[in-house]
Amino acid sequence: MTTAPQLETVLTTLDDRVGVITLHRPEALNAWNGALSRDLDLALRWAADDDDVGAVVITGAGRAFCAGADLSSGGETFARNEDRGPTDDSRSRTPQLLPWDVPKPVIAAINGHAVGVGATYALACDLRVVAADAKIGFVFSRRGMLPELGSHAVLPRVVGFSNAADLLLSGRPITGEEAASIGLASVATAAETVVPLAVERARDMAINGAPMSMAVSKRLLWESMGVTEMMGREQPLFDWIATQPDSVEGVESFLEKRAPSWKLSVADDFPSHLFSAPAPPPEKAR
């Protein structure tokens, strides 16, 4: 048994073979920054390596699961240096370990709003239990950014292509109740029962499931998603789009509570060089 790590932005506890990892920036609605990303990596490494942890629950302190990227830097949230490349600070927000890397069941207990990376990180868990009135939003298109963490591969497999296209292209938030209705969550329940229900399900798996059987089955399930390949395709596009003016406008317009004024032209600026086979131009109407 290893000792649960004592971290600044994440709390870890272990009880009856269930490791609970709690995002702990409640004053910022658990908004994602470099420190939180690094602490989550350490917490997941502990959960993966400690045989006394049979299953894991990830949740948020306070009234949110994770409100998305920390926007306290305003238009510089997706920071860029002089040549408009991602800075070390922006790269530090990229997790090095994800819930699917943990060879044990990982349940996201979405106790409140899960937006942006809060939604994609929860999607990287095996199961999701969600508060019925929580808002779940893959809002990247509304911030001039791109969904990440393999979500272009995982989300269609979880909710179907049409629902995934709706969520990723529109960026519209949905309630936890709607998330459960399309299969994004296993169950929607009252906010106060989210964590107890997730812990109950995790404990059942931790006690009654053979660790090796679950580990091998989980590995096969996630390999079938093609997430590694998709993340390899997403990353250069994410890095590119983070250097563009729309990533600044998306954040600034949101903070200023106004309609965005997008700058990029799909006809002129589309990054075809970052795709293995550029899409053919649409045929003109005859």
Protein backbone atom coordinates (compact mmCIF):
# COMPACT_ATOMS: atom_id res chain seq x y z
CA MET A 1 0.00 0.00 0.00
CA THR A 2 1.21 3.48 -0.88
CA THR A 3 0.15 6.58 0.99
CA ALA A 4 -2.50 8.72 -0.70
CA PRO A 5 -0.67 11.83 -1.93
CA GLN A 6 -1.18 15.17 -0.21
CA LEU A 7 -1.70 17.65 -3.02
CA GLU A 8 -2.58 21.34 -3.33
CA THR A 9 -5.47 21.34 -5.80
CA VAL A 10 -6.67 17.72 -5.51
CA LEU A 11 -7.79 15.74 -2.47
CA THR A 12 -7.34 11.97 -2.26
CA THR A 13 -8.93 9.48 0.14
CA LEU A 14 -9.15 5.70 0.29
CA ASP A 15 -11.97 3.84 2.00
CA ASP A 16 -12.97 0.20 1.56
CA ARG A 17 -10.93 -0.15 -1.67
CA VAL A 18 -12.45 2.96 -3.30
CA GLY A 19 -10.06 5.82 -4.03
CA VAL A 20 -11.85 9.16 -4.23
CA ILE A 21 -10.09 11.95 -6.12
CA THR A 22 -11.63 15.40 -5.63
CA LEU A 23 -10.79 18.44 -7.74
CA HIS A 24 -10.29 21.07 -5.05
CA ARG A 25 -10.47 24.62 -6.39
CA PRO A 26 -14.05 25.30 -5.27
CA GLU A 27 -13.57 29.08 -5.24
CA ALA A 28 -12.86 28.86 -9.00
CA LEU A 29 -15.49 26.18 -9.71
CA ASN A 30 -12.54 23.76 -10.05
CA ALA A 31 -11.43 25.52 -13.23
CA TRP A 32 -8.58 23.77 -14.99
CA ASN A 33 -5.05 25.11 -14.79
CA GLY A 34 -1.51 23.72 -14.84
CA ALA A 35 -1.42 22.97 -11.12
CA LEU A 36 -4.69 21.05 -11.22
CA SER A 37 -3.54 19.06 -14.25
CA ARG A 38 -0.27 18.09 -12.58
CA ASP A 39 -1.97 17.14 -9.31
CA LEU A 40 -4.51 14.98 -11.13
CA ASP A 41 -1.64 13.18 -12.87
CA LEU A 42 -0.10 12.40 -9.46
CA ALA A 43 -3.44 11.29 -8.00
CA LEU A 44 -4.12 8.96 -10.92
CA ARG A 45 -0.61 7.50 -10.68
CA TRP A 46 -1.27 6.68 -7.01
CA ALA A 47 -4.61 5.08 -7.88
CA ALA A 48 -3.04 3.05 -10.68
CA ASP A 49 -0.07 1.80 -8.64
CA ASP A 50 -1.68 1.02 -5.27
CA ASP A 51 -3.20 -2.48 -5.19
CA ASP A 52 -5.38 -1.41 -2.25
CA VAL A 53 -7.26 0.87 -4.65
CA GLY A 54 -9.75 -1.35 -6.42
CA ALA A 55 -11.79 1.36 -8.15
CA VAL A 56 -11.73 5.15 -8.42
CA VAL A 57 -14.26 7.97 -8.19
CA ILE A 58 -13.38 11.43 -9.51
CA THR A 59 -15.54 14.37 -8.41
CA GLY A 60 -15.38 18.11 -7.71
CA ALA A 61 -15.46 20.11 -4.49
CA GLY A 62 -18.29 22.58 -4.04
CA ARG A 63 -21.01 23.13 -6.62
CA ALA A 64 -19.13 22.25 -9.83
CA PHE A 65 -17.27 19.29 -11.25
CA CYS A 66 -15.01 21.45 -13.43
CA ALA A 67 -16.01 24.73 -15.09
CA GLY A 68 -13.46 24.30 -17.88
CA ALA A 69 -10.23 26.15 -18.52
CA ASP A 70 -9.30 28.82 -15.99
CA LEU A 71 -10.12 32.05 -17.87
CA SER A 72 -8.46 34.39 -15.38
CA SER A 73 -5.89 35.28 -18.06
CA GLY A 74 -8.64 36.54 -20.37
CA GLY A 75 -7.67 36.46 -24.03
CA GLU A 76 -4.29 35.00 -23.05
CA THR A 77 -5.89 31.85 -21.61
CA PHE A 78 -4.47 29.76 -24.46
CA ALA A 79 -1.19 31.59 -24.09
CA ARG A 80 1.17 32.20 -26.99
CA ASN A 81 4.71 33.48 -27.23
CA GLU A 82 6.18 35.87 -29.78
CA ASP A 83 5.92 33.45 -32.67
CA ARG A 84 2.39 32.56 -31.54
CA GLY A 85 3.25 29.05 -30.46
CA PRO A 86 1.83 27.50 -27.26
CA THR A 87 3.86 28.48 -24.21
CA ASP A 88 5.17 26.18 -21.50
CA ASP A 89 2.29 27.37 -19.30
CA SER A 90 -0.34 26.33 -21.82
CA ARG A 91 1.35 22.95 -22.33
CA SER A 92 1.42 22.35 -18.56
CA ARG A 93 -2.37 22.17 -18.67
CA THR A 94 -2.19 19.02 -20.83
CA PRO A 95 -2.56 15.91 -18.62
CA GLN A 96 0.14 13.26 -18.95
CA LEU A 97 -2.07 10.52 -17.48
CA LEU A 98 -5.77 10.04 -18.13
CA PRO A 99 -8.49 8.00 -16.41
CA TRP A 100 -8.42 5.42 -19.21
CA ASP A 101 -4.74 4.77 -18.38
CA VAL A 102 -5.68 3.56 -14.88
CA PRO A 103 -6.14 -0.27 -15.02
CA LYS A 104 -9.14 -0.09 -12.68
CA PRO A 105 -12.72 1.16 -13.05
CA VAL A 106 -12.87 4.96 -12.93
CA ILE A 107 -16.23 6.66 -12.37
CA ALA A 108 -16.78 10.39 -12.87
CA ALA A 109 -19.18 11.67 -10.21
CA ILE A 110 -20.31 14.85 -11.97
CA ASN A 111 -21.74 16.71 -8.99
CA GLY A 112 -22.21 19.99 -10.86
CA HIS A 113 -21.33 21.80 -14.07
CA ALA A 114 -18.78 20.09 -16.34
CA VAL A 115 -17.74 22.40 -19.16
CA GLY A 116 -14.97 22.28 -21.77
CA VAL A 117 -12.11 20.19 -20.42
CA GLY A 118 -14.40 19.36 -17.50
CA ALA A 119 -16.59 17.50 -20.01
CA THR A 120 -13.77 15.86 -21.98
CA TYR A 121 -11.94 14.73 -18.83
CA ALA A 122 -15.15 13.14 -17.52
CA LEU A 123 -15.54 11.50 -20.94
CA ALA A 124 -12.15 9.84 -20.40
CA CYS A 125 -13.61 7.97 -17.41
CA ASP A 126 -15.27 4.58 -17.80
CA LEU A 127 -18.65 5.57 -16.36
CA ARG A 128 -20.38 8.81 -15.45
CA VAL A 129 -22.93 9.54 -12.73
CA VAL A 130 -24.30 13.06 -13.08
CA ALA A 131 -26.44 15.55 -11.20
CA ALA A 132 -29.71 15.91 -13.08
CA ASP A 133 -29.51 19.71 -13.08
CA ALA A 134 -25.80 19.96 -13.92
CA LYS A 135 -24.79 21.61 -17.20
CA ILE A 136 -22.55 19.53 -19.44
CA GLY A 137 -20.98 21.49 -22.28
CA PHE A 138 -18.41 20.71 -24.96
CA VAL A 139 -18.26 24.45 -25.57
CA PHE A 140 -15.01 24.58 -27.58
CA SER A 141 -16.57 25.87 -30.81
CA ARG A 142 -18.00 28.79 -28.81
CA ARG A 143 -14.51 29.68 -27.55
CA GLY A 144 -12.71 29.38 -30.89
CA MET A 145 -10.97 26.23 -29.65
CA LEU A 146 -10.96 22.49 -30.35
CA PRO A 147 -12.16 19.53 -28.27
CA GLU A 148 -9.27 17.36 -27.06
CA LEU A 149 -8.40 14.23 -25.04
CA GLY A 150 -9.51 11.97 -27.87
CA SER A 151 -13.10 13.17 -27.65
CA HIS A 152 -13.56 13.03 -31.44
CA ALA A 153 -13.13 9.25 -31.17
CA VAL A 154 -14.76 8.59 -27.80
CA LEU A 155 -17.88 10.74 -27.90
CA PRO A 156 -19.36 9.24 -31.11
CA ARG A 157 -18.85 5.76 -29.67
CA VAL A 158 -20.57 6.73 -26.44
CA VAL A 159 -23.57 8.74 -27.72
CA GLY A 160 -23.66 8.01 -31.47
CA PHE A 161 -22.46 10.15 -34.36
CA SER A 162 -25.45 12.48 -34.62
CA ASN A 163 -25.49 13.30 -30.91
CA ALA A 164 -21.72 13.78 -30.91
CA ALA A 165 -21.93 16.11 -33.91
CA ASP A 166 -24.65 18.10 -32.12
CA LEU A 167 -22.60 18.46 -28.94
CA LEU A 168 -19.22 19.19 -30.56
CA LEU A 169 -20.32 21.43 -33.43
CA SER A 170 -22.98 23.45 -31.63
CA GLY A 171 -21.17 23.63 -28.30
CA ARG A 172 -24.56 23.88 -26.63
CA PRO A 173 -24.75 22.81 -22.99
CA ILE A 174 -27.13 20.04 -21.97
CA THR A 175 -28.48 19.05 -18.58
CA GLY A 176 -27.39 15.97 -16.70
CA GLU A 177 -30.83 14.54 -17.35
CA GLU A 178 -30.35 14.89 -21.12
CA ALA A 179 -26.82 13.48 -20.79
CA ALA A 180 -28.25 10.33 -19.25
CA SER A 181 -30.97 10.10 -21.91
CA ILE A 182 -28.38 9.93 -24.74
CA GLY A 183 -26.01 7.60 -22.87
CA LEU A 184 -23.35 10.17 -22.01
CA ALA A 185 -24.02 9.35 -18.34
CA SER A 186 -25.11 6.05 -16.83
CA VAL A 187 -27.58 7.73 -14.53
CA ALA A 188 -28.77 11.22 -13.55
CA THR A 189 -29.72 11.79 -9.93
CA ALA A 190 -30.03 14.54 -7.32
CA ALA A 191 -26.77 16.43 -6.80
CA GLU A 192 -26.43 15.32 -3.19
CA THR A 193 -26.63 11.64 -4.14
CA VAL A 194 -24.12 11.72 -7.03
CA VAL A 195 -20.99 10.91 -5.02
CA PRO A 196 -22.61 8.30 -2.72
CA LEU A 197 -24.07 6.49 -5.74
CA ALA A 198 -20.76 6.59 -7.63
CA VAL A 199 -18.89 5.31 -4.56
CA GLU A 200 -21.45 2.52 -4.11
CA ARG A 201 -20.96 1.38 -7.71
CA ALA A 202 -17.18 1.67 -7.43
CA ARG A 203 -17.14 -0.35 -4.20
CA ASP A 204 -19.22 -3.11 -5.78
CA MET A 205 -16.71 -3.44 -8.61
CA ALA A 206 -13.70 -3.14 -6.28
CA ILE A 207 -14.92 -5.89 -3.96
CA ASN A 208 -16.66 -8.28 -6.34
CA GLY A 209 -14.66 -7.88 -9.54
CA ALA A 210 -11.38 -9.71 -10.13
CA PRO A 211 -8.78 -6.94 -10.58
CA MET A 212 -7.02 -8.60 -13.52
CA SER A 213 -10.26 -9.42 -15.31
CA MET A 214 -11.39 -5.80 -15.03
CA ALA A 215 -7.98 -4.43 -16.03
CA VAL A 216 -7.77 -6.54 -19.20
CA SER A 217 -11.38 -5.85 -20.15
CA LYS A 218 -10.90 -2.11 -19.63
CA ARG A 219 -7.76 -2.11 -21.77
CA LEU A 220 -9.57 -3.88 -24.62
CA LEU A 221 -12.55 -1.54 -24.39
CA TRP A 222 -10.41 1.58 -24.64
CA GLU A 223 -8.15 0.16 -27.36
CA SER A 224 -11.29 -0.38 -29.45
CA MET A 225 -11.90 3.40 -29.32
CA GLY A 226 -8.72 4.34 -31.18
CA VAL A 227 -8.07 7.15 -28.69
CA THR A 228 -4.26 7.12 -29.05
CA GLU A 229 -4.48 7.65 -32.78
CA MET A 230 -7.12 10.35 -32.39
CA MET A 231 -5.10 12.24 -29.79
CA GLY A 232 -2.16 12.17 -32.19
CA ARG A 233 -4.36 13.82 -34.82
CA GLU A 234 -5.98 16.29 -32.42
CA GLN A 235 -2.81 17.67 -30.81
CA PRO A 236 -1.25 19.51 -33.77
CA LEU A 237 -4.65 20.92 -34.69
CA PHE A 238 -5.28 21.98 -31.08
CA ASP A 239 -1.86 23.67 -31.00
CA TRP A 240 -2.56 25.42 -34.30
CA ILE A 241 -6.01 26.67 -33.39
CA ALA A 242 -4.73 27.91 -30.02
CA THR A 243 -2.45 30.33 -31.90
CA GLN A 244 -5.27 31.82 -33.97
CA PRO A 245 -7.20 35.03 -33.24
CA ASP A 246 -10.49 33.16 -32.78
CA SER A 247 -9.13 31.53 -29.60
CA VAL A 248 -8.67 35.03 -28.16
CA GLU A 249 -12.02 36.30 -29.43
CA GLY A 250 -13.88 33.27 -28.08
CA VAL A 251 -12.67 33.89 -24.54
CA GLU A 252 -12.95 37.68 -24.63
CA SER A 253 -16.47 37.68 -26.06
CA PHE A 254 -17.56 35.17 -23.40
CA LEU A 255 -16.09 37.25 -20.58
CA GLU A 256 -17.56 40.44 -22.02
CA LYS A 257 -20.96 38.76 -22.50
CA ARG A 258 -21.27 39.71 -26.16
CA ALA A 259 -21.64 37.90 -29.47
CA PRO A 260 -18.29 36.80 -30.91
CA SER A 261 -16.81 38.34 -34.05
CA TRP A 262 -14.87 35.48 -35.62
CA LYS A 263 -11.83 36.34 -37.73
CA LEU A 264 -10.82 33.13 -39.56
CA SER A 265 -12.10 32.18 -43.02
CA VAL A 266 -12.72 28.48 -43.67
CA ALA A 267 -12.14 29.12 -47.39
CA ASP A 268 -8.80 30.88 -46.88
CA ASP A 269 -7.41 29.71 -43.55
CA PHE A 270 -8.35 26.03 -43.19
CA PRO A 271 -5.21 24.10 -42.04
CA SER A 272 -5.22 21.47 -44.80
CA HIS A 273 -1.50 20.88 -44.25
CA LEU A 274 -2.30 19.33 -40.85
CA PHE A 275 -4.56 16.66 -42.36
CA SER A 276 -3.20 13.55 -44.08
CA ALA A 277 -5.72 13.89 -46.89
CA PRO A 278 -7.19 17.38 -47.37
CA ALA A 279 -10.93 17.42 -47.85
CA PRO A 280 -11.97 18.03 -51.47
CA PRO A 281 -13.63 21.37 -52.16
CA PRO A 282 -17.42 21.28 -52.30
CA GLU A 283 -18.95 21.06 -55.76
CA LYS A 284 -20.50 24.26 -56.99
CA ALA A 285 -24.23 24.22 -57.48
CA ARG A 286 -25.18 23.85 -61.09
